Amino acid sequence: MTASSASSTPIYDLLITERGNAVAECRDVAQQTKETARSALDWTGVHTGTEEQPTFSAFDRVKPPRSESPSSPTTTA
């Protein structure tokens, strides 16, 4: 056997042949998990509109958005 045909890691190569490449499989699963988590945590499509929605109040009233807040009462003479 010559140096060019011999593997630098014969034991590792034998284990891969017998048991499969667990390191490569783990790397692939980790990449898939990372992509799944990235898409699950992507909140960019949640608020597509620019107007504010009314918020829930614990006192059974819906608070209007800030842009529609009632103004202070005005008095006329």
C-alpha atoms as a PDB file:
ATOM      1  CA  MET A   1       0.000   0.000   0.000  1.00  0.00           C
ATOM      2  CA  THR A   2       1.400   3.381  -0.957  1.00  0.00           C
ATOM      3  CA  ALA A   3       1.053   6.616   0.964  1.00  0.00           C
ATOM      4  CA  SER A   4      -1.172   8.122  -1.741  1.00  0.00           C
ATOM      5  CA  SER A   5      -3.731   5.290  -1.549  1.00  0.00           C
ATOM      6  CA  ALA A   6      -3.750   5.015   2.245  1.00  0.00           C
ATOM      7  CA  SER A   7      -6.270   7.050   4.181  1.00  0.00           C
ATOM      8  CA  SER A   8      -5.042   9.341   6.913  1.00  0.00           C
ATOM      9  CA  THR A   9      -7.802   8.068   9.236  1.00  0.00           C
ATOM     10  CA  PRO A  10      -8.283   4.341   8.582  1.00  0.00           C
ATOM     11  CA  ILE A  11     -10.129   3.636  11.853  1.00  0.00           C
ATOM     12  CA  TYR A  12     -12.601   6.464  11.252  1.00  0.00           C
ATOM     13  CA  ASP A  13     -13.121   5.339   7.653  1.00  0.00           C
ATOM     14  CA  LEU A  14     -13.815   1.782   8.873  1.00  0.00           C
ATOM     15  CA  LEU A  15     -16.351   3.059  11.409  1.00  0.00           C
ATOM     16  CA  ILE A  16     -18.119   5.088   8.722  1.00  0.00           C
ATOM     17  CA  THR A  17     -18.277   2.029   6.515  1.00  0.00           C
ATOM     18  CA  GLU A  18     -19.676  -0.147   9.333  1.00  0.00           C
ATOM     19  CA  ARG A  19     -21.929   2.298  11.194  1.00  0.00           C
ATOM     20  CA  GLY A  20     -22.596   5.225   8.860  1.00  0.00           C
ATOM     21  CA  ASN A  21     -21.356   8.799   9.094  1.00  0.00           C
ATOM     22  CA  ALA A  22     -23.008  10.011  12.294  1.00  0.00           C
ATOM     23  CA  VAL A  23     -21.101  13.312  12.228  1.00  0.00           C
ATOM     24  CA  ALA A  24     -22.398  14.209   8.774  1.00  0.00           C
ATOM     25  CA  GLU A  25     -25.936  13.130   9.699  1.00  0.00           C
ATOM     26  CA  CYS A  26     -25.850  15.267  12.853  1.00  0.00           C
ATOM     27  CA  ARG A  27     -24.567  18.224  10.831  1.00  0.00           C
ATOM     28  CA  ASP A  28     -27.464  17.833   8.366  1.00  0.00           C
ATOM     29  CA  VAL A  29     -30.060  17.546  11.141  1.00  0.00           C
ATOM     30  CA  ALA A  30     -28.602  20.586  12.910  1.00  0.00           C
ATOM     31  CA  GLN A  31     -28.833  22.621   9.693  1.00  0.00           C
ATOM     32  CA  GLN A  32     -32.452  21.540   9.146  1.00  0.00           C
ATOM     33  CA  THR A  33     -33.299  22.408  12.764  1.00  0.00           C
ATOM     34  CA  LYS A  34     -31.684  25.813  12.382  1.00  0.00           C
ATOM     35  CA  GLU A  35     -33.713  26.534   9.235  1.00  0.00           C
ATOM     36  CA  THR A  36     -36.939  25.330  10.888  1.00  0.00           C
ATOM     37  CA  ALA A  37     -36.320  27.521  13.938  1.00  0.00           C
ATOM     38  CA  ARG A  38     -35.515  30.527  11.741  1.00  0.00           C
ATOM     39  CA  SER A  39     -38.779  30.169   9.812  1.00  0.00           C
ATOM     40  CA  ALA A  40     -40.798  29.512  12.995  1.00  0.00           C
ATOM     41  CA  LEU A  41     -39.409  32.634  14.658  1.00  0.00           C
ATOM     42  CA  ASP A  42     -39.864  34.845  11.593  1.00  0.00           C
ATOM     43  CA  TRP A  43     -42.381  37.510  12.601  1.00  0.00           C
ATOM     44  CA  THR A  44     -42.037  39.725   9.526  1.00  0.00           C
ATOM     45  CA  GLY A  45     -45.420  38.724   8.074  1.00  0.00           C
ATOM     46  CA  VAL A  46     -47.407  39.238  11.277  1.00  0.00           C
ATOM     47  CA  HIS A  47     -48.019  42.981  10.968  1.00  0.00           C
ATOM     48  CA  THR A  48     -48.498  43.700   7.310  1.00  0.00           C
ATOM     49  CA  GLY A  49     -50.844  46.652   7.778  1.00  0.00           C
ATOM     50  CA  THR A  50     -49.698  50.056   8.907  1.00  0.00           C
ATOM     51  CA  GLU A  51     -52.714  51.002  10.997  1.00  0.00           C
ATOM     52  CA  GLU A  52     -52.860  50.055  14.660  1.00  0.00           C
ATOM     53  CA  GLN A  53     -55.424  47.553  15.816  1.00  0.00           C
ATOM     54  CA  PRO A  54     -57.521  48.175  18.941  1.00  0.00           C
ATOM     55  CA  THR A  55     -56.057  46.573  22.051  1.00  0.00           C
ATOM     56  CA  PHE A  56     -57.870  44.455  24.592  1.00  0.00           C
ATOM     57  CA  SER A  57     -58.677  45.935  27.974  1.00  0.00           C
ATOM     58  CA  ALA A  58     -59.241  43.917  31.125  1.00  0.00           C
ATOM     59  CA  PHE A  59     -62.270  46.087  31.878  1.00  0.00           C
ATOM     60  CA  ASP A  60     -64.408  44.807  28.960  1.00  0.00           C
ATOM     61  CA  ARG A  61     -63.683  47.795  26.774  1.00  0.00           C
ATOM     62  CA  VAL A  62     -61.647  47.988  23.662  1.00  0.00           C
ATOM     63  CA  LYS A  63     -59.157  50.799  23.677  1.00  0.00           C
ATOM     64  CA  PRO A  64     -59.020  52.652  20.360  1.00  0.00           C
ATOM     65  CA  PRO A  65     -55.687  52.956  18.577  1.00  0.00           C
ATOM     66  CA  ARG A  66     -53.640  55.974  19.599  1.00  0.00           C
ATOM     67  CA  SER A  67     -54.458  57.808  16.372  1.00  0.00           C
ATOM     68  CA  GLU A  68     -58.195  57.589  17.164  1.00  0.00           C
ATOM     69  CA  SER A  69     -57.982  58.514  20.863  1.00  0.00           C
ATOM     70  CA  PRO A  70     -60.763  60.818  21.928  1.00  0.00           C
ATOM     71  CA  SER A  71     -59.616  64.378  22.263  1.00  0.00           C
ATOM     72  CA  SER A  72     -60.268  66.494  25.324  1.00  0.00           C
ATOM     73  CA  PRO A  73     -63.759  67.998  25.452  1.00  0.00           C
ATOM     74  CA  THR A  74     -64.017  71.377  23.862  1.00  0.00           C
ATOM     75  CA  THR A  75     -66.306  74.079  25.112  1.00  0.00           C
ATOM     76  CA  THR A  76     -68.172  76.403  22.861  1.00  0.00           C
ATOM     77  CA  ALA A  77     -69.250  79.878  23.897  1.00  0.00           C
END
